[in-house]
Structures are given as C-alpha cells and as structure tokens.
Amino acid sequence: MWILALVGCATNIHELYEEEKAQVLKDPPPLSEPWEPDMHIRVGEEALERLVTKAVSSGLGKKQKKVHVDNPLGLDVWFRPKAKVKNLHLTPLERTKSCSACFRLSVKVGGEVQWGVGKLKGSLPLRAKAAGKVGFALDTEQGGWQLMGTVKDVGKLEVDSLVAGSVDVSGALKGWVQTALNEVPPLNLGSFGGEGNPLLALQAYTNASSEEGGASLHLRGRTDLPFEKSVAEPDWELDSDWELVLPEETVGVFARRHAFGLGLLEHDVALDPRGVGFENDAFVMDLRLWRLAGRGWWRDYDVNGTMAVQRGHVRLRSDNVEEGEKSRGAGIVDPLAFLAEGKILQAVEQGVHQSLPASKTTKVSSFRVMAEVEHIVGRDHHLVVTGSLTPQKARQKSVD
C-alpha cells in the first residue's frame, strides 16, 4: 500500500522501477545456523532401490574375470563368476554426525560360476547374500553439489558352498563377492547449485521415523532469496521417483529476476511478474508492465492460465488477462503480445527449471541418472514438480 501512496504523490517512475529491481536483485541475508530451507526434494524408495541395484549390478559385472585359487595340490584351479543382483532392499537409518543420509543395505546375488581344475571344467550356480550400508553425501564442485551414493561396510556375507571338482573354493568366492560389493563405483544422482542455480546451502538426510516418506532420501536447500522463507517437509505420500517442492514466493522471485534480466522490450516496456500463485493445474500471475520512456508509467494485469509438462519441460499457457491498477497517465499496452512471444511465461518456467537437478556422469560411474519432469501441480501455496529417474549408459572417452 505504501508503494501506491508514493505513486499517488508523483514518485518518479524510473526511480520506483529501479527500487523494485534492487529489492529483487539484492544480496540474500546472512546464512545463520540453524538455517531454514526454502526448497525441498525427495527421492522415493523404489527409485533409490532401482538405481542402487543398477549400480551394484554394474559393479559386479566389472569384476567378472578369472580368479586363480592357490591350493596345496599345486593344481591350476580357477573360477569365473557371472553375478547380478537378484534382490535388494534399503532401510533408512537414524541420522548420525558421520552419516545423515544412510540406508541399511540387504542384497541377494545370484548367477553362475564357471570353474576349472586342471583339465576339468564345469559350472555351478552362484548364490550369496550380504548386508551393508549405502551412504549418500553431497560433494562440492564449482560452487555447487553432487549427490553421490556409496556402498560401504559390507558384512554378514553368506555364500553357498562351491566345490570345483574336488577343491573347495567357497572361501575365495566369498572374498570375491565382498570385494566386488565394496568396490561398487559411486552412484551420481545429480548436480545441484552452481551457475544459474542459486543455492546457498544444501543438506541430504533420511527420516527413519517418517511413515509418509518411507525410505525416501530428502534434500533441503536454501536459495539466495533476498528475504527469508521456509518450506516444511512434505507430509503427503510420495508417488513418483522424485519430487521438488517450492513455495510460491521462491518461484516468484526467480521469475522476477529473469524478467528484470530481459531489460527493456518493445515500446520501452519492461516486464515484472510481481507475484504468482498455483492451484492444481492453474496459475495466476500479478503482472506489471513498466513503460520507461519519457516520464514513464506502469499498469497491472491479472494473468490466469494453466500449466503442464510437455516433453519433460514445464509449460505455462495464459487463458485470460484482466486489467488492474495503473499509475497516473498510464497508456495502453497489450500484454497479449508479450504473452504470445512467451517472454512473460518463460520467466516463470525458467524459475522452475533452474531448481531442478542436473544429470551428470562421473569418471568412476558406468551410467548416469536422468531426471525427467513428468507432472506439475499447485498445492497449499507451493509448486510441486514430480518426475522419473532413469539410469542411462554413460558415454565416456576411453582412458589409456
């Protein structure tokens, strides 16, 4: 209301625009401890188990080489295992100082073991089970973070007896299984922050006591909003691979920053999406058009529309535009032209996408995880984006 009062007193439009711009682009308040998150990400139980299974199977596959076994008979004894994961389950563990995002790992391995003793050769089934941990941690890189999962502390290993000819190689096979599990390459679940993705802080954790979240992996983040805003941990059931929750205010600031970055457009008009709200598949935007030629003026519009996901991208479409308040001497500029060009709605779309995880392949990983957007919905003054996680074979240059 105080802004409108100042405008009524013939406040310089150019100064008012610059003040609004400065408020959005100013530095965030200092990050205090403990800090409150203004974004929340969850990765679901089924997705985690599917990706860890892929990582463990990939690690086992890299170890399928001939293993020679020392024996008192001096014979040439060897075996070559071909193993893969038959069953894998993750159970969230209570948070500790050493690991805030750890899961208990239970895995069953099956396959075939080819063996040879002297000139004798044969094959036997391979059956083993083990327990351990999978710990997820955030590694910093180039001003951002990579979410990495690591298999560790493998123990409680049981392997069915394996006799190659007349030589018991069960002990050697047990050692192979334990080594293969302990040397599973780290799993990269994506990159967060860095250039174009304004995150000041990020934490990964489990919530072992949560009935709604199941075995979900949680990420709480603090963006560089120029004001403090918090988001609570979602209390609804997660029915997708992953979920991003952003308060409307967070999306609004991202959209305004993008719009101010566009500068002046046709007719010396600047766009300013001053606020945005979401409900189910609908949105409403408080849009201001600033005319910065001459003495200048501003005019407000209420933009209503729908949102959807098309080919993995968030898309907004306007259905109705209504005129609102205006400054003294305001002219008429048709906002539909800017809406048709997509500049206004792209500001909101860009604000959403810059918060999404980016897929990345590390040198030690044999595959990468692709995060795809599938659905978007407004819920309790928040924007909720959900999607799938798909492991894909990495394309890497060979290293001599």
Protein backbone atom coordinates (compact mmCIF):
# COMPACT_ATOMS: atom_id res chain seq x y z
CA MET A 1 0.00 0.00 0.00
CA TRP A 2 2.84 2.40 0.73
CA ILE A 3 4.09 1.96 -2.83
CA LEU A 4 0.72 3.04 -4.22
CA ALA A 5 0.71 6.06 -1.90
CA LEU A 6 4.08 7.16 -3.18
CA VAL A 7 2.94 6.75 -6.77
CA GLY A 8 -0.03 8.95 -5.99
CA CYS A 9 2.44 11.64 -4.97
CA ALA A 10 4.03 11.54 -8.42
CA THR A 11 7.01 9.43 -7.44
CA ASN A 12 9.44 9.20 -10.32
CA ILE A 13 8.52 6.03 -12.24
CA HIS A 14 12.11 5.33 -13.20
CA GLU A 15 13.25 5.52 -9.58
CA LEU A 16 10.39 3.30 -8.46
CA TYR A 17 11.29 0.69 -11.08
CA GLU A 18 14.93 0.72 -10.04
CA GLU A 19 13.94 0.36 -6.37
CA GLU A 20 11.77 -2.67 -7.19
CA LYS A 21 14.58 -4.18 -9.25
CA ALA A 22 17.13 -3.59 -6.50
CA GLN A 23 14.91 -5.29 -3.91
CA VAL A 24 14.74 -8.44 -6.03
CA LEU A 25 18.41 -8.49 -7.03
CA LYS A 26 19.90 -7.57 -3.65
CA ASP A 27 22.13 -9.99 -1.77
CA PRO A 28 20.43 -12.57 0.46
CA PRO A 29 20.56 -12.19 4.26
CA PRO A 30 23.47 -13.93 6.01
CA LEU A 31 23.06 -17.68 6.35
CA SER A 32 22.59 -18.37 10.03
CA GLU A 33 22.81 -21.68 11.89
CA PRO A 34 20.48 -23.43 12.00
CA TRP A 35 19.07 -22.27 8.68
CA GLU A 36 15.60 -22.94 7.34
CA PRO A 37 15.06 -24.43 3.85
CA ASP A 38 13.02 -22.77 1.13
CA MET A 39 13.09 -25.77 -1.21
CA HIS A 40 12.66 -29.49 -0.61
CA ILE A 41 13.46 -32.53 -2.76
CA ARG A 42 12.57 -36.16 -2.12
CA VAL A 43 13.77 -39.28 -3.93
CA GLY A 44 11.43 -42.24 -3.42
CA GLU A 45 12.17 -45.70 -2.07
CA GLU A 46 11.50 -47.62 -5.29
CA ALA A 47 13.66 -45.24 -7.33
CA LEU A 48 16.55 -45.47 -4.86
CA GLU A 49 16.45 -49.28 -4.80
CA ARG A 50 16.25 -49.43 -8.59
CA LEU A 51 19.26 -47.13 -9.03
CA VAL A 52 21.36 -48.79 -6.33
CA THR A 53 20.53 -52.19 -7.87
CA LYS A 54 21.77 -50.87 -11.22
CA ALA A 55 24.97 -49.57 -9.62
CA VAL A 56 25.69 -52.82 -7.73
CA SER A 57 24.96 -54.99 -10.78
CA SER A 58 27.24 -52.77 -12.85
CA GLY A 59 29.99 -53.14 -10.24
CA LEU A 60 29.62 -56.92 -10.16
CA GLY A 61 29.79 -57.03 -13.94
CA LYS A 62 33.16 -55.28 -13.95
CA LYS A 63 34.60 -57.97 -11.64
CA GLN A 64 33.68 -60.97 -13.80
CA LYS A 65 37.22 -62.09 -14.51
CA LYS A 66 39.00 -65.39 -13.98
CA VAL A 67 40.20 -65.82 -10.39
CA HIS A 68 43.02 -68.27 -9.69
CA VAL A 69 42.97 -70.14 -6.38
CA ASP A 70 46.06 -71.30 -4.52
CA ASN A 71 45.77 -74.90 -3.31
CA PRO A 72 48.05 -77.45 -1.59
CA LEU A 73 47.79 -79.82 -4.57
CA GLY A 74 49.52 -77.35 -6.87
CA LEU A 75 46.75 -77.67 -9.44
CA ASP A 76 45.60 -74.93 -11.78
CA VAL A 77 42.36 -74.05 -10.03
CA TRP A 78 40.27 -71.10 -11.17
CA PHE A 79 36.73 -69.79 -11.28
CA ARG A 80 34.95 -67.03 -13.19
CA PRO A 81 31.76 -65.70 -11.59
CA LYS A 82 28.92 -64.16 -13.54
CA ALA A 83 26.74 -62.46 -10.97
CA LYS A 84 23.94 -59.92 -10.76
CA VAL A 85 21.58 -58.61 -8.12
CA LYS A 86 18.52 -60.78 -7.52
CA ASN A 87 17.02 -58.75 -4.72
CA LEU A 88 17.97 -55.51 -2.97
CA HIS A 89 16.31 -53.58 -0.18
CA LEU A 90 17.13 -50.29 1.54
CA THR A 91 16.00 -49.29 5.03
CA PRO A 92 16.62 -45.72 6.27
CA LEU A 93 18.90 -45.43 9.30
CA GLU A 94 18.74 -42.83 12.03
CA ARG A 95 20.78 -39.74 11.30
CA THR A 96 24.22 -39.53 12.86
CA LYS A 97 27.04 -36.98 12.75
CA SER A 98 29.05 -39.23 10.44
CA CYS A 99 26.15 -40.02 8.09
CA SER A 100 22.89 -38.08 7.92
CA ALA A 101 21.68 -39.96 4.83
CA CYS A 102 22.49 -43.64 5.29
CA PHE A 103 20.44 -46.73 4.48
CA ARG A 104 20.84 -50.32 5.63
CA LEU A 105 21.55 -52.49 2.59
CA SER A 106 20.29 -56.05 2.17
CA VAL A 107 21.25 -57.70 -1.10
CA LYS A 108 20.99 -61.14 -2.65
CA VAL A 109 23.30 -62.03 -5.52
CA GLY A 110 22.80 -64.85 -7.98
CA GLY A 111 24.30 -66.18 -11.16
CA GLU A 112 26.73 -68.80 -12.36
CA VAL A 113 30.32 -69.76 -11.58
CA GLN A 114 32.44 -71.36 -14.27
CA TRP A 115 35.37 -73.31 -12.83
CA GLY A 116 38.37 -75.30 -13.85
CA VAL A 117 40.66 -77.76 -12.04
CA GLY A 118 43.47 -78.90 -14.26
CA LYS A 119 41.77 -80.19 -17.40
CA LEU A 120 38.38 -80.48 -15.70
CA LYS A 121 35.82 -77.74 -16.30
CA GLY A 122 32.28 -77.14 -15.20
CA SER A 123 29.78 -74.63 -13.88
CA LEU A 124 27.72 -74.27 -10.69
CA PRO A 125 25.04 -71.84 -9.52
CA LEU A 126 26.17 -68.82 -7.51
CA ARG A 127 24.07 -67.76 -4.55
CA ALA A 128 25.11 -65.19 -1.95
CA LYS A 129 23.63 -62.59 0.34
CA ALA A 130 25.15 -59.71 2.26
CA ALA A 131 24.35 -56.71 4.40
CA GLY A 132 25.95 -53.30 4.48
CA LYS A 133 25.21 -49.60 4.12
CA VAL A 134 24.57 -47.15 1.32
CA GLY A 135 25.54 -43.63 2.31
CA PHE A 136 24.53 -40.54 0.34
CA ALA A 137 26.62 -37.41 0.64
CA LEU A 138 26.96 -34.06 -1.09
CA ASP A 139 30.33 -33.40 -2.71
CA THR A 140 31.05 -29.77 -3.52
CA GLU A 141 32.12 -28.81 -7.04
CA GLN A 142 32.36 -25.48 -8.84
CA GLY A 143 30.10 -23.68 -6.38
CA GLY A 144 27.52 -26.48 -6.39
CA TRP A 145 27.00 -30.01 -5.13
CA GLN A 146 26.93 -33.54 -6.50
CA LEU A 147 24.75 -36.08 -4.71
CA MET A 148 26.79 -39.28 -4.50
CA GLY A 149 25.78 -42.68 -3.12
CA THR A 150 28.41 -45.16 -1.90
CA VAL A 151 28.14 -48.81 -0.85
CA LYS A 152 30.20 -49.46 2.29
CA ASP A 153 30.64 -51.61 5.39
CA VAL A 154 29.68 -54.84 3.60
CA GLY A 155 29.44 -57.71 6.05
CA LYS A 156 27.26 -60.62 7.21
CA LEU A 157 28.22 -62.32 3.98
CA GLU A 158 26.86 -65.77 3.23
CA VAL A 159 27.87 -67.77 0.14
CA ASP A 160 26.62 -71.23 -0.81
CA SER A 161 29.31 -73.90 -0.75
CA LEU A 162 31.16 -74.22 -4.04
CA VAL A 163 33.36 -77.24 -4.79
CA ALA A 164 35.23 -77.13 -8.10
CA GLY A 165 36.00 -80.72 -8.90
CA SER A 166 37.49 -81.83 -5.61
CA VAL A 167 38.66 -78.36 -4.48
CA ASP A 168 36.51 -76.20 -2.17
CA VAL A 169 36.72 -72.62 -3.49
CA SER A 170 33.92 -71.24 -1.29
CA GLY A 171 36.31 -69.04 0.71
CA ALA A 172 37.83 -67.49 -2.40
CA LEU A 173 34.38 -66.91 -3.88
CA LYS A 174 33.22 -65.25 -0.66
CA GLY A 175 36.21 -62.93 -0.82
CA TRP A 176 35.39 -62.08 -4.43
CA VAL A 177 31.78 -61.20 -3.58
CA GLN A 178 32.82 -58.98 -0.65
CA THR A 179 35.46 -57.18 -2.71
CA ALA A 180 33.07 -56.67 -5.61
CA LEU A 181 30.40 -55.16 -3.35
CA ASN A 182 32.85 -52.91 -1.51
CA GLU A 183 34.26 -51.62 -4.80
CA VAL A 184 30.95 -50.70 -6.43
CA PRO A 185 31.53 -47.33 -8.16
CA PRO A 186 29.79 -44.34 -6.54
CA LEU A 187 26.32 -43.56 -7.82
CA ASN A 188 25.78 -39.97 -9.01
CA LEU A 189 22.17 -38.88 -8.52
CA GLY A 190 22.65 -35.41 -9.99
CA SER A 191 24.14 -31.96 -9.60
CA PHE A 192 22.62 -29.05 -7.70
CA GLY A 193 23.56 -25.41 -7.41
CA GLY A 194 26.39 -23.78 -9.28
CA GLU A 195 25.99 -21.20 -12.01
CA GLY A 196 22.35 -20.49 -12.84
CA ASN A 197 21.06 -22.45 -9.84
CA PRO A 198 21.20 -20.18 -6.79
CA LEU A 199 21.74 -22.37 -3.74
CA LEU A 200 23.47 -21.15 -0.59
CA ALA A 201 23.19 -24.40 1.34
CA LEU A 202 22.07 -27.98 0.78
CA GLN A 203 21.71 -30.96 3.11
CA ALA A 204 20.87 -34.61 2.49
CA TYR A 205 19.17 -36.70 5.16
CA THR A 206 16.88 -39.61 5.89
CA ASN A 207 13.81 -39.61 8.08
CA ALA A 208 13.66 -43.08 9.59
CA SER A 209 10.68 -42.15 11.79
CA SER A 210 8.54 -40.84 8.93
CA GLU A 211 5.69 -43.14 7.92
CA GLU A 212 4.72 -40.97 4.93
CA GLY A 213 8.19 -40.73 3.42
CA GLY A 214 9.06 -44.42 3.67
CA ALA A 215 12.68 -44.95 2.68
CA SER A 216 12.86 -41.62 0.89
CA LEU A 217 16.05 -39.62 0.59
CA HIS A 218 15.48 -35.96 1.49
CA LEU A 219 17.29 -32.83 0.34
CA ARG A 220 16.66 -29.48 1.99
CA GLY A 221 18.08 -26.40 0.33
CA ARG A 222 18.41 -22.68 0.89
CA THR A 223 18.28 -20.49 -2.21
CA ASP A 224 19.61 -16.95 -2.44
CA LEU A 225 16.24 -15.28 -1.93
CA PRO A 226 16.58 -11.66 -0.76
CA PHE A 227 14.32 -12.50 2.19
CA GLU A 228 13.84 -15.48 4.49
CA LYS A 229 11.17 -18.01 3.54
CA SER A 230 10.80 -21.58 4.81
CA VAL A 231 9.17 -24.72 3.47
CA ALA A 232 8.08 -27.62 5.68
CA GLU A 233 8.92 -31.24 4.92
CA PRO A 234 6.03 -32.60 2.79
CA ASP A 235 3.56 -34.70 4.79
CA TRP A 236 1.91 -36.37 1.80
CA GLU A 237 2.83 -39.72 0.29
CA LEU A 238 5.41 -39.66 -2.46
CA ASP A 239 4.04 -41.49 -5.51
CA SER A 240 6.81 -40.69 -8.02
CA ASP A 241 10.55 -41.23 -8.34
CA TRP A 242 11.34 -37.70 -7.16
CA GLU A 243 9.61 -34.53 -6.07
CA LEU A 244 10.58 -30.86 -5.85
CA VAL A 245 8.58 -28.52 -3.59
CA LEU A 246 8.97 -24.74 -3.92
CA PRO A 247 6.98 -22.00 -2.15
CA GLU A 248 5.17 -19.64 -4.48
CA GLU A 249 7.37 -16.80 -3.22
CA THR A 250 10.53 -18.62 -4.29
CA VAL A 251 9.23 -19.20 -7.81
CA GLY A 252 8.06 -15.60 -7.92
CA VAL A 253 11.50 -14.19 -7.10
CA PHE A 254 13.18 -16.41 -9.68
CA ALA A 255 10.65 -15.25 -12.29
CA ARG A 256 11.16 -11.56 -11.45
CA ARG A 257 14.93 -11.93 -11.70
CA HIS A 258 14.61 -13.48 -15.12
CA ALA A 259 12.22 -10.75 -16.23
CA PHE A 260 14.45 -7.92 -14.99
CA GLY A 261 17.33 -9.57 -16.81
CA LEU A 262 15.45 -9.16 -20.10
CA GLY A 263 15.67 -5.38 -19.78
CA LEU A 264 13.57 -3.14 -21.98
CA LEU A 265 11.48 -4.78 -24.69
CA GLU A 266 9.37 -3.29 -27.47
CA HIS A 267 7.86 0.18 -26.83
CA ASP A 268 10.36 0.67 -23.96
CA VAL A 269 8.33 -1.70 -21.78
CA ALA A 270 9.81 -3.85 -19.01
CA LEU A 271 8.09 -6.97 -17.66
CA ASP A 272 7.61 -7.55 -13.95
CA PRO A 273 5.75 -10.70 -12.76
CA ARG A 274 5.28 -9.37 -9.22
CA GLY A 275 3.64 -12.46 -7.83
CA VAL A 276 2.48 -15.89 -8.88
CA GLY A 277 0.13 -18.42 -7.33
CA PHE A 278 -0.61 -22.05 -8.14
CA GLU A 279 -3.60 -24.31 -7.52
CA ASN A 280 -3.88 -27.74 -9.11
CA ASP A 281 -3.01 -27.19 -12.80
CA ALA A 282 -3.87 -23.47 -12.78
CA PHE A 283 -1.81 -20.38 -12.10
CA VAL A 284 -2.50 -16.69 -11.56
CA MET A 285 0.13 -14.01 -12.10
CA ASP A 286 0.23 -10.41 -10.90
CA LEU A 287 1.91 -8.83 -13.92
CA ARG A 288 3.12 -5.25 -14.09
CA LEU A 289 4.23 -3.60 -17.32
CA TRP A 290 6.60 -0.67 -16.81
CA ARG A 291 6.85 1.99 -19.52
CA LEU A 292 10.22 3.65 -19.01
CA ALA A 293 10.23 6.17 -21.85
CA GLY A 294 9.62 9.82 -21.00
CA ARG A 295 8.04 10.33 -17.57
CA GLY A 296 7.04 6.68 -17.59
CA TRP A 297 4.12 4.78 -16.13
CA TRP A 298 3.05 1.32 -15.00
CA ARG A 299 -0.06 -0.79 -15.47
CA ASP A 300 -1.04 -4.03 -13.67
CA TYR A 301 -2.74 -7.10 -15.11
CA ASP A 302 -4.05 -10.34 -13.66
CA VAL A 303 -2.99 -13.22 -15.88
CA ASN A 304 -4.76 -16.55 -15.47
CA GLY A 305 -3.77 -19.76 -17.16
CA THR A 306 -2.85 -23.41 -16.92
CA MET A 307 0.40 -25.30 -16.63
CA ALA A 308 1.50 -28.68 -17.89
CA VAL A 309 4.58 -30.70 -18.76
CA GLN A 310 5.47 -31.18 -22.42
CA ARG A 311 8.42 -33.36 -23.41
CA GLY A 312 9.98 -33.00 -20.00
CA HIS A 313 9.63 -29.22 -19.81
CA VAL A 314 7.27 -27.09 -17.71
CA ARG A 315 4.98 -25.07 -19.97
CA LEU A 316 2.53 -22.31 -18.99
CA ARG A 317 -0.35 -21.09 -21.13
CA SER A 318 -2.40 -17.96 -20.47
CA ASP A 319 -6.18 -18.19 -20.80
CA ASN A 320 -7.37 -14.80 -19.58
CA VAL A 321 -5.96 -11.33 -18.87
CA GLU A 322 -7.73 -8.66 -16.81
CA GLU A 323 -6.64 -5.07 -16.22
CA GLY A 324 -5.85 -3.95 -12.68
CA GLU A 325 -4.36 -0.85 -11.06
CA LYS A 326 -2.37 1.72 -13.01
CA SER A 327 -0.28 4.79 -12.38
CA ARG A 328 -1.33 8.31 -13.30
CA GLY A 329 -1.17 8.92 -17.03
CA ALA A 330 -0.73 5.24 -17.89
CA GLY A 331 -1.09 4.37 -21.54
CA ILE A 332 -2.37 1.14 -23.01
CA VAL A 333 -0.04 -1.67 -23.90
CA ASP A 334 -1.49 -5.01 -24.95
CA PRO A 335 0.09 -7.68 -22.70
CA LEU A 336 -1.14 -10.39 -25.06
CA ALA A 337 1.67 -9.55 -27.47
CA PHE A 338 4.27 -10.31 -24.82
CA LEU A 339 2.34 -13.40 -23.74
CA ALA A 340 2.24 -14.62 -27.33
CA GLU A 341 6.00 -14.21 -27.62
CA GLY A 342 6.39 -16.26 -24.45
CA LYS A 343 8.64 -13.79 -22.63
CA ILE A 344 6.40 -13.42 -19.59
CA LEU A 345 5.60 -17.09 -19.05
CA GLN A 346 9.17 -18.13 -19.81
CA ALA A 347 10.23 -16.15 -16.76
CA VAL A 348 8.20 -18.49 -14.53
CA GLU A 349 9.22 -21.61 -16.48
CA GLN A 350 12.88 -20.68 -16.14
CA GLY A 351 12.41 -20.10 -12.42
CA VAL A 352 11.20 -23.68 -12.01
CA HIS A 353 13.81 -25.36 -14.20
CA GLN A 354 16.78 -23.69 -12.55
CA SER A 355 15.90 -25.51 -9.33
CA LEU A 356 15.80 -28.99 -10.89
CA PRO A 357 18.67 -31.47 -10.52
CA ALA A 358 21.02 -31.81 -13.46
CA SER A 359 22.25 -35.22 -14.59
CA LYS A 360 25.95 -35.77 -14.74
CA THR A 361 28.37 -38.63 -15.36
CA THR A 362 31.44 -39.02 -13.16
CA LYS A 363 34.67 -40.70 -14.21
CA VAL A 364 34.04 -43.63 -11.89
CA SER A 365 30.42 -44.24 -12.89
CA SER A 366 29.36 -46.53 -15.71
CA PHE A 367 25.99 -44.84 -16.11
CA ARG A 368 24.29 -41.55 -15.40
CA VAL A 369 20.91 -40.79 -13.89
CA MET A 370 18.49 -38.75 -15.99
CA ALA A 371 15.88 -36.74 -14.08
CA GLU A 372 12.83 -36.07 -16.23
CA VAL A 373 9.90 -33.83 -15.31
CA GLU A 374 6.53 -35.54 -15.69
CA HIS A 375 3.96 -33.59 -13.68
CA ILE A 376 3.45 -30.18 -12.09
CA VAL A 377 0.75 -29.10 -9.67
CA GLY A 378 -0.06 -26.30 -7.23
CA ARG A 379 -0.64 -27.46 -3.67
CA ASP A 380 -1.10 -25.45 -0.45
CA HIS A 381 0.63 -22.33 -1.86
CA HIS A 382 3.52 -24.41 -3.17
CA LEU A 383 4.57 -25.58 -6.59
CA VAL A 384 5.15 -29.35 -6.66
CA VAL A 385 7.14 -30.83 -9.54
CA THR A 386 7.47 -34.60 -9.87
CA GLY A 387 9.18 -36.92 -12.30
CA SER A 388 11.17 -40.04 -13.06
CA LEU A 389 14.80 -41.11 -12.62
CA THR A 390 16.24 -43.30 -15.36
CA PRO A 391 19.72 -44.84 -15.45
CA GLN A 392 21.38 -44.46 -18.82
CA LYS A 393 24.68 -45.83 -20.05
CA ALA A 394 27.37 -43.20 -19.88
CA ARG A 395 29.15 -42.06 -22.96
CA GLN A 396 32.74 -41.68 -21.89
CA LYS A 397 36.02 -41.42 -23.66
CA SER A 398 38.32 -44.33 -23.09
CA VAL A 399 41.28 -43.69 -20.82
CA ASP A 400 44.59 -45.24 -21.81
